[in-house]
Protein backbone atom coordinates (compact mmCIF):
# COMPACT_ATOMS: atom_id res chain seq x y z
CA MET A 1 85.39 82.73 86.47
CA LYS A 2 83.30 84.52 89.45
CA LYS A 3 79.73 82.84 90.04
CA LEU A 4 77.94 85.46 91.74
CA ASN A 5 76.50 85.50 95.35
CA PHE A 6 73.74 87.44 96.76
CA VAL A 7 70.58 88.19 98.81
CA HIS A 8 68.42 90.74 98.72
CA LEU A 9 69.46 94.64 99.57
CA ASN A 10 68.00 97.08 101.39
CA LYS A 11 67.27 100.92 99.90
CA LEU A 12 69.35 103.35 100.58
CA ILE A 13 70.70 106.61 97.80
CA LEU A 14 70.36 104.93 94.44
CA SER A 15 69.49 108.60 92.17
CA ILE A 16 72.37 109.99 93.14
CA LEU A 17 74.24 107.01 92.13
CA MET A 18 72.88 105.10 90.06
CA PHE A 19 74.04 107.89 87.18
CA ALA A 20 77.37 107.24 88.01
CA PHE A 21 78.06 103.74 88.41
CA LEU A 22 75.05 101.67 86.33
CA ASN A 23 77.06 103.44 82.98
CA THR A 24 78.92 100.07 81.50
CA ASN A 25 80.08 102.05 78.70
CA ALA A 26 82.69 104.49 79.63
CA GLN A 27 84.27 102.91 82.19
CA SER A 28 83.01 103.09 85.43
CA PRO A 29 84.59 105.61 88.21
CA ILE A 30 85.10 102.59 90.65
CA ILE A 31 87.17 100.22 88.22
CA LYS A 32 88.74 103.50 87.25
CA THR A 33 90.06 103.66 91.34
CA PHE A 34 90.47 99.86 91.92
CA ARG A 35 92.91 100.04 88.27
CA GLU A 36 95.23 102.72 90.54
CA ILE A 37 94.75 101.04 93.40
CA VAL A 38 96.21 97.36 92.01
CA ALA A 39 98.86 99.46 90.66
CA ASP A 40 99.30 101.57 94.12
CA ALA A 41 100.65 97.90 95.07
CA ALA A 42 103.72 98.10 94.47
CA ASN A 43 104.01 101.49 96.62
CA ASP A 44 102.33 99.58 99.98
CA PHE A 45 99.39 101.93 99.21
CA ASN A 46 101.52 104.67 100.23
CA ASN A 47 99.32 107.58 98.13
CA TYR A 48 96.13 106.37 99.43
CA LYS A 49 97.07 105.96 103.25
CA VAL A 50 95.38 108.66 105.20
CA THR A 51 95.18 108.51 109.11
CA LYS A 52 95.62 105.62 111.64
CA ILE A 53 92.77 104.35 113.06
CA SER A 54 94.05 101.27 115.68
CA GLU A 55 95.84 99.47 116.28
CA ASN A 56 96.34 95.84 116.60
CA LYS A 57 100.15 95.37 118.74
CA GLU A 58 98.94 91.49 119.55
CA LYS A 59 98.83 90.73 115.72
CA ASN A 60 101.46 93.20 114.27
CA TYR A 61 99.70 95.19 112.23
CA ASP A 62 97.93 98.73 112.41
CA LEU A 63 94.78 100.62 109.99
CA TYR A 64 94.27 103.35 107.89
CA SER A 65 91.67 105.46 106.75
CA SER A 66 91.82 105.30 102.86
CA LYS A 67 91.04 108.66 100.59
CA ILE A 68 89.04 106.69 98.69
CA GLU A 69 85.26 107.76 99.29
CA GLU A 70 82.75 105.15 100.95
CA LEU A 71 79.31 103.83 99.84
CA PRO A 72 76.88 103.54 102.20
CA PHE A 73 76.74 100.02 101.81
CA SER A 74 81.06 99.53 101.81
CA SER A 75 84.05 100.48 103.54
CA THR A 76 87.92 100.56 102.43
CA LYS A 77 90.58 99.85 105.48
CA ILE A 78 94.32 99.68 104.98
CA ILE A 79 96.07 97.07 107.11
CA VAL A 80 99.91 97.23 107.64
CA PRO A 81 101.96 95.07 109.37
CA THR A 82 104.58 96.66 111.93
CA ASN A 83 106.63 92.98 111.50
CA ASN A 84 107.36 94.03 108.12
CA LYS A 85 105.06 91.83 106.12
CA LYS A 86 102.76 92.96 103.49
CA PRO A 87 99.91 95.99 103.79
CA ILE A 88 96.97 94.90 102.69
CA TYR A 89 93.91 96.95 100.67
CA PHE A 90 90.86 96.31 102.12
CA ILE A 91 87.32 96.08 100.15
CA LYS A 92 83.83 95.23 102.25
CA TYR A 93 80.51 95.71 101.01
CA SER A 94 77.83 94.34 103.26
CA ILE A 95 74.76 93.65 101.27
CA LYS A 96 72.73 92.16 103.45
CA ASP A 97 69.49 93.41 104.54
CA LEU A 98 69.65 95.68 100.99
CA ASP A 99 66.63 96.26 99.46
CA VAL A 100 65.79 95.73 95.88
CA MET A 101 66.94 99.30 94.96
CA THR A 102 70.51 99.10 95.79
CA LEU A 103 70.26 95.36 94.50
CA LYS A 104 70.79 96.44 90.71
CA LEU A 105 73.72 99.00 92.11
CA PHE A 106 75.49 96.93 94.03
CA THR A 107 75.01 93.66 91.00
CA ASN A 108 77.17 95.91 89.09
CA ILE A 109 79.70 97.55 90.28
CA SER A 110 80.03 93.11 91.55
CA GLU A 111 80.00 92.36 88.14
CA GLN A 112 82.75 95.34 87.24
CA TYR A 113 84.87 93.90 89.73
CA ILE A 114 84.82 90.09 88.14
CA THR A 115 85.07 91.51 84.37
CA GLU A 116 88.14 93.77 85.35
CA ILE A 117 89.67 90.83 86.98
CA ASN A 118 88.78 88.16 84.22
CA GLU A 119 90.53 90.69 81.79
CA MET A 120 93.45 91.03 83.92
CA ILE A 121 93.56 87.14 83.55
CA LYS A 122 93.43 87.48 79.72
CA THR A 123 96.03 89.70 79.41
CA GLY A 124 99.19 86.46 80.09
CA LYS A 125 100.08 88.21 83.23
CA TYR A 126 98.66 86.43 86.19
CA THR A 127 96.84 83.31 86.82
CA GLY A 128 93.50 82.68 88.35
CA LYS A 129 91.83 79.70 90.56
CA ASP A 130 88.72 79.66 91.93
CA VAL A 131 87.91 78.18 95.65
CA LYS A 132 85.35 77.25 97.30
CA GLU A 133 85.36 76.94 101.03
CA LYS A 134 82.65 76.89 103.43
CA GLU A 135 79.94 79.56 102.19
CA ASP A 136 82.87 81.76 100.52
CA ASP A 137 83.40 82.23 96.47
CA ILE A 138 86.71 83.37 96.67
CA THR A 139 88.63 84.18 93.36
CA GLU A 140 92.06 84.09 93.49
CA LEU A 141 94.72 86.64 91.44
CA TYR A 142 98.44 85.11 91.15
CA ASP A 143 101.05 86.96 89.05
CA LEU A 144 103.42 84.68 86.58
CA LYS A 145 105.91 85.04 89.26
CA GLY A 146 103.45 83.53 91.95
CA ALA A 147 103.10 86.83 94.14
CA HIS A 148 99.87 86.03 95.05
CA ILE A 149 98.22 89.43 94.50
CA MET A 150 94.72 89.81 95.03
CA ASP A 151 90.92 87.97 96.71
CA TYR A 152 87.09 88.48 95.72
CA ILE A 153 85.33 86.16 98.48
CA SER A 154 81.91 86.83 97.61
CA ASN A 155 79.00 84.68 100.04
CA VAL A 156 75.21 85.75 101.01
CA ASN A 157 76.31 88.63 103.89
CA ALA A 158 78.75 90.45 101.83
CA HIS A 159 81.68 90.80 99.37
CA TYR A 160 85.16 91.08 99.85
CA ILE A 161 88.73 92.40 97.99
CA TYR A 162 91.49 91.65 99.36
CA ILE A 163 94.62 93.28 97.25
CA TYR A 164 97.72 92.53 98.34
CA GLY A 165 101.43 94.98 98.51
CA THR A 166 104.89 93.68 98.09
CA PRO A 167 106.42 90.87 99.99
CA ILE A 168 108.98 91.65 102.09
CA ALA A 169 111.83 89.36 99.18
CA PRO A 170 109.29 89.33 96.27
CA MET A 171 111.16 86.49 93.73
CA ALA A 172 112.35 87.22 90.95
CA ALA A 173 110.46 85.01 88.08
CA PRO A 174 113.08 82.06 87.31
CA LYS A 175 114.46 82.52 83.42
CA VAL A 176 113.40 79.34 81.24
CA GLU A 177 117.04 79.49 80.27
CA GLU A 178 117.93 78.88 84.41
CA THR A 179 115.21 76.73 84.85
CA PRO A 180 117.28 73.06 85.12
CA LYS A 181 116.77 69.92 82.90
CA ALA A 182 113.63 68.20 83.22
CA ASP A 183 115.74 65.33 84.66
CA ASP A 184 117.44 67.96 87.77
CA LEU A 185 113.82 68.38 88.62
CA GLU A 186 112.00 65.26 88.71
CA THR A 187 115.70 64.78 91.59
CA ILE A 188 115.22 68.33 93.50
CA PHE A 189 111.25 67.36 93.53
CA LYS A 190 112.15 64.57 94.96
CA LYS A 191 114.13 65.88 96.85
CA ASP A 192 111.72 68.17 98.69
CA LEU A 193 109.50 66.60 98.91
CA GLU A 194 111.22 64.04 101.28
CA VAL A 195 112.13 67.05 103.52
CA ILE A 196 108.66 68.57 103.70
CA PHE A 197 107.09 65.15 104.16
CA GLN A 198 109.98 64.67 107.31
CA ASP A 199 109.22 68.41 108.57
CA ALA A 200 105.15 67.01 108.33
CA THR A 201 106.32 64.53 111.18
CA THR A 202 107.12 67.25 113.27
CA GLY A 203 104.98 69.23 113.19
CA PHE A 204 106.35 71.37 110.48
CA ARG A 205 108.88 72.56 112.63
CA GLU A 206 111.34 74.20 110.13
CA SER A 207 108.85 74.42 107.57
CA LYS A 208 106.85 77.03 109.46
CA ALA A 209 107.77 80.78 110.04
CA GLY A 210 105.39 83.05 111.63
CA TYR A 211 102.18 84.51 111.37
CA ASN A 212 100.40 84.98 108.11
CA ASN A 213 96.55 85.97 108.49
CA LYS A 214 93.64 83.92 110.02
CA SER A 215 90.85 83.11 107.08
CA TYR A 216 87.01 81.42 108.26
CA GLY A 217 88.65 79.02 110.61
CA SER A 218 91.68 78.74 109.20
CA THR A 219 95.47 79.87 110.45
CA TYR A 220 98.08 79.77 108.22
CA TYR A 221 101.68 81.04 108.70
CA PHE A 222 103.97 81.64 106.24
CA ALA A 223 106.43 78.57 105.07
CA GLU A 224 110.35 78.73 105.20
CA LYS A 225 110.62 75.09 103.14
CA SER A 226 109.36 73.97 99.81
CA PHE A 227 109.42 72.88 95.99
CA PHE A 228 111.86 74.47 94.06
CA ASN A 229 112.66 76.91 96.69
CA LEU A 230 109.35 79.09 95.85
CA ASN A 231 108.28 79.63 99.24
CA ASN A 232 106.37 83.05 97.95
CA THR A 233 104.07 80.06 96.48
CA ALA A 234 103.48 77.97 100.17
CA GLN A 235 102.19 78.35 103.11
CA ILE A 236 101.58 76.52 106.80
CA GLY A 237 97.83 76.18 107.32
CA TYR A 238 95.76 74.54 110.55
CA THR A 239 91.97 73.79 110.16
CA ALA A 240 89.86 73.64 113.95
CA PRO A 241 87.49 70.63 113.35
CA ASP A 242 84.87 72.33 113.07
CA TYR A 243 80.28 72.03 112.61
CA LEU A 244 78.72 74.10 110.31
CA PRO A 245 74.72 74.25 111.34
CA ALA A 246 73.53 75.56 108.27
CA SER A 247 75.40 73.93 105.53
CA LYS A 248 74.77 70.68 107.14
CA LEU A 249 78.60 71.20 106.45
CA TYR A 250 81.62 68.95 108.90
CA ILE A 251 85.16 69.94 108.78
CA ASP A 252 88.05 67.46 109.50
CA GLU A 253 90.87 68.78 111.71
CA ALA A 254 94.04 69.04 109.83
CA PHE A 255 97.56 71.07 109.52
CA PHE A 256 99.05 70.97 106.31
CA PHE A 257 101.71 72.96 104.59
CA TYR A 258 100.24 73.99 100.98
CA GLN A 259 102.21 75.47 97.76
CA ASN A 260 100.07 76.06 94.99
CA PHE A 261 101.87 75.85 91.11
CA SER A 262 100.95 77.81 88.11
CA ASN A 263 101.06 76.47 84.60
CA GLU A 264 103.15 79.80 83.60
CA THR A 265 106.24 78.41 85.14
CA ASN A 266 107.96 75.35 84.13
CA TYR A 267 108.28 74.56 87.59
CA GLY A 268 104.27 74.39 87.42
CA LYS A 269 104.00 72.58 84.01
CA PHE A 270 106.54 70.13 85.95
CA VAL A 271 104.40 69.62 88.44
CA TYR A 272 101.40 69.22 86.49
CA ASP A 273 102.95 66.76 84.45
CA ASN A 274 104.49 64.90 86.64
CA ALA A 275 103.97 65.09 90.45
CA GLU A 276 101.52 62.29 90.48
CA ARG A 277 103.67 59.48 88.77
CA ILE A 278 105.88 60.63 91.51
CA PHE A 279 103.80 60.31 94.22
CA ASP A 280 102.31 56.86 93.15
CA GLU A 281 106.06 56.08 93.06
CA ILE A 282 106.78 57.29 96.36
CA MET A 283 104.02 56.92 98.55
CA SER A 284 104.05 52.64 97.68
CA LEU A 285 107.02 52.77 99.47
CA LYS A 286 105.29 54.35 102.39
CA ASN A 287 102.14 52.00 102.72
CA LEU A 288 100.12 54.55 101.55
CA LYS A 289 96.93 54.19 99.61
CA LYS A 290 95.72 56.32 96.59
CA LYS A 291 92.68 57.19 95.90
CA ILE A 292 91.50 59.89 93.52
CA ILE A 293 88.54 61.44 94.11
CA LYS A 294 85.33 61.05 92.21
CA GLN A 295 84.24 64.32 90.90
CA ASP A 296 80.10 65.64 90.61
CA LYS A 297 79.23 65.34 86.86
CA SER A 298 79.37 69.37 87.47
CA HIS A 299 82.96 69.36 87.70
CA LYS A 300 84.47 66.03 87.03
CA GLU A 301 85.74 67.23 83.62
CA ILE A 302 87.58 70.55 85.57
CA ASN A 303 89.21 69.21 88.49
CA LYS A 304 91.15 65.89 89.30
CA GLU A 305 92.01 65.48 93.26
CA VAL A 306 93.90 62.75 94.28
CA VAL A 307 94.80 61.16 98.05
CA TYR A 308 97.19 59.14 99.60
CA LEU A 309 95.81 57.47 102.35
CA ASP A 310 97.47 55.55 105.07
CA ASN A 311 96.09 52.30 106.91
CA ASN A 312 94.01 54.11 109.26
CA LYS A 313 92.04 56.82 106.01
CA ALA A 314 94.37 59.43 107.50
CA LYS A 315 95.82 61.86 104.56
CA LYS A 316 98.86 61.85 104.75
CA LEU A 317 99.60 63.15 100.58
CA PHE A 318 96.65 65.40 98.18
CA ILE A 319 96.68 67.14 94.94
CA PHE A 320 93.94 68.78 93.23
CA TYR A 321 94.70 69.90 89.38
CA ASN A 322 92.43 72.01 87.94
CA LEU A 323 92.19 70.93 84.28
CA LYS A 324 90.78 73.76 82.99
CA ASP A 325 94.13 75.77 83.22
CA LYS A 326 96.51 72.69 83.86
CA SER A 327 97.33 74.53 87.30
CA SER A 328 98.38 72.07 90.55
CA SER A 329 97.79 72.47 94.60
CA ILE A 330 100.41 69.79 96.26
CA TYR A 331 98.97 69.66 100.39
CA ILE A 332 101.06 67.57 102.75
CA TYR A 333 99.30 66.56 106.45
CA SER A 334 100.59 66.73 109.83
CA ASP A 335 99.78 63.68 112.66
CA LEU A 336 100.29 66.63 114.81
CA ARG A 337 98.92 70.70 115.53
CA PRO A 338 100.12 74.20 115.72
CA THR A 339 102.22 74.05 119.52
CA ASP A 340 101.07 78.61 119.07
CA LEU A 341 97.48 77.53 119.50
CA PRO A 342 94.82 76.10 122.18
CA LYS A 343 94.81 72.77 122.21
CA TYR A 344 91.91 71.01 120.51
CA PHE A 345 90.93 68.46 123.53
CA GLY A 346 87.95 66.56 122.83
CA CYS A 347 83.12 67.42 122.38
CA LEU A 348 81.13 67.18 124.95
CA VAL A 349 78.21 65.21 123.83
CA LEU A 350 75.12 66.32 125.92
CA TYR A 351 72.53 63.87 124.42
CA ASN A 352 68.93 65.46 125.45
CA VAL A 353 66.57 62.89 127.08
CA GLN A 354 63.06 62.50 126.89
CA MET A 355 60.56 59.62 127.69
CA GLY A 356 64.04 57.30 127.76
CA SER A 357 64.91 58.04 124.37
CA ILE A 358 67.54 59.91 122.97
CA VAL A 359 66.04 62.64 120.63
CA SER A 360 69.21 65.61 120.01
CA ALA A 361 72.18 66.14 121.83
CA ASN A 362 74.39 69.21 122.19
CA THR A 363 77.67 68.95 121.48
CA TYR A 364 80.71 71.17 122.82
CA TYR A 365 84.09 71.48 121.02
CA VAL A 366 86.98 71.93 124.29
CA TYR A 367 89.89 74.18 123.40
CA GLY A 368 92.13 75.16 125.20
CA LYS A 369 95.39 75.78 127.59
CA ALA A 370 94.05 72.92 130.03
CA PHE A 371 91.69 70.99 130.27
CA LYS A 372 89.44 69.97 133.51
CA GLY A 373 87.44 67.06 133.33
CA GLU A 374 84.13 66.29 131.22
CA ALA A 375 82.70 66.14 134.81
CA TYR A 376 83.35 69.92 135.40
CA LEU A 377 82.79 70.41 131.78
CA TYR A 378 79.43 69.04 132.35
CA ASN A 379 78.63 70.96 135.39
CA ILE A 380 79.38 73.99 134.24
CA ILE A 381 77.41 73.80 130.83
CA ARG A 382 74.24 72.29 132.54
CA SER A 383 74.61 75.11 135.46
CA LYS A 384 73.31 77.73 132.67
CA MET A 385 70.68 76.30 131.52
CA ASP A 386 67.28 76.62 132.74
CA GLU A 387 65.49 74.34 134.36
CA THR A 388 63.77 72.78 130.77
CA SER A 389 67.15 72.07 129.94
CA GLN A 390 68.59 70.83 133.11
CA ARG A 391 65.97 67.81 133.49
CA ILE A 392 66.39 67.25 129.62
CA PHE A 393 69.95 66.99 128.93
CA LYS A 394 71.16 64.14 132.16
CA LYS A 395 73.18 62.48 130.10
CA TYR A 396 76.48 62.78 128.88
CA GLU A 397 79.01 61.58 126.92
CA TRP A 398 83.45 62.57 126.41
CA LYS A 399 84.93 61.23 122.53
CA PRO A 400 88.51 62.87 123.67
CA ASN A 401 90.07 64.09 120.54
CA ALA A 402 86.74 63.03 118.78
CA GLY A 403 87.00 65.68 115.09
CA THR A 404 83.34 66.19 113.46
CA LYS A 405 83.55 63.24 111.52
CA GLN A 406 83.70 60.82 114.42
CA ILE A 407 80.98 62.89 115.97
CA ASP A 408 78.93 62.84 112.51
CA GLU A 409 79.32 59.76 112.75
CA LEU A 410 77.94 59.06 115.98
CA MET A 411 74.81 61.21 115.80
CA LYS A 412 73.87 58.70 113.02
CA SER A 413 74.26 56.01 114.07
CA LEU A 414 72.02 57.30 116.64
CA ASN A 415 69.56 58.84 114.24
CA ILE A 416 69.61 62.18 116.13
CA ARG A 417 70.84 65.74 115.17
CA GLU A 418 73.74 67.81 115.96
CA ASN A 419 73.32 71.72 117.78
CA GLY A 420 77.27 71.65 117.95
CA SER A 421 79.58 74.48 120.03
CA LYS A 422 83.06 75.82 120.68
CA VAL A 423 83.50 76.28 124.30
CA ASP A 424 87.16 76.86 126.13
CA PRO A 425 87.79 74.50 129.42
CA ASP A 426 85.28 76.28 131.37
CA GLY A 427 82.60 76.71 129.70
CA ASN A 428 82.56 79.71 128.02
CA TYR A 429 81.52 80.30 124.21
CA ILE A 430 84.24 80.56 121.59
CA ASN A 431 84.52 81.74 117.35
């Protein structure tokens, strides 16, 4: 499923490790240990937990060391939430700046992991999904109950493996004879759609539960409402507007309900076969316009994406189909944003003016509790510049609530490039 992402690597103690890990004719110790850790997830990794390293009271978790010996370019930790959420076994391989000799070792290790994950899927006991998120390639693994088992994440700097322990109250897989009939499934589905759609207008006041995790600029919460009451397959997510200079990618702000449906269940099969028809019927009554997103050549036989837009072309509902494994994911969007996160106020644009012409711009996306005004922010930012920058960045413009797409359109209209940053109302840079 997964394609590997690599950069050139750096030299370590290969001669000792090569024999142990490059023997592909037998089960390597890496995979043997990996299987044991996966099996111990049901025991919340207690067989591997050693010493508490740190506590994070703000995010409600303790960090433990693992008894698994680390490689010179790897680290292993166990994250144990203190609020009864599921623990996570975390493995990281840092591959940036390693040399060519170590590449051979790491490439082999990573390929063994991927082979093992694909073999797990082939057993029929798991389902997998490949996702591209910013610079990361992600393979997600689920059991047949829809519970999230594992993530394998790779980018040019590192590879990460997250193995999840047992959920608080894992939902039992529905027995075939207990699954409602098709007519009943459609009635339930339509009812759940209206409940969640209505809740989106309140900022998911009823659906959004406690904080779950934060990943790559997005914040996720547990869901207390879902289709067919399958809450363990649903989340509430928030993505802040962002700009990624390396990939020249603009991320729009989004606050959304998300639920994944595996084709291994009758619920998933129903959604795959019927959701679009039902959405067409109901969304037309809400005056939403349907749009099928065009796929590039490499994906048109694999993916299908359907979005429903309001009169302002804002996304209200989105469904993603994996045509290969016949799985699907539903997204329902809110116009509001989480009240527990810093508020987004807008974008301050500072123009680089030379010889009477605008040649570039610095953009500052502003988050915080209280905005003190664009003039105040401009003066603070400009006071931190050197004399040359102060001289050329004399012109500014405030764009309230402007997302990255709007700023991108502004830059294109002026035919200039953007240098984007996120700051608080006092001009301090934030991540």
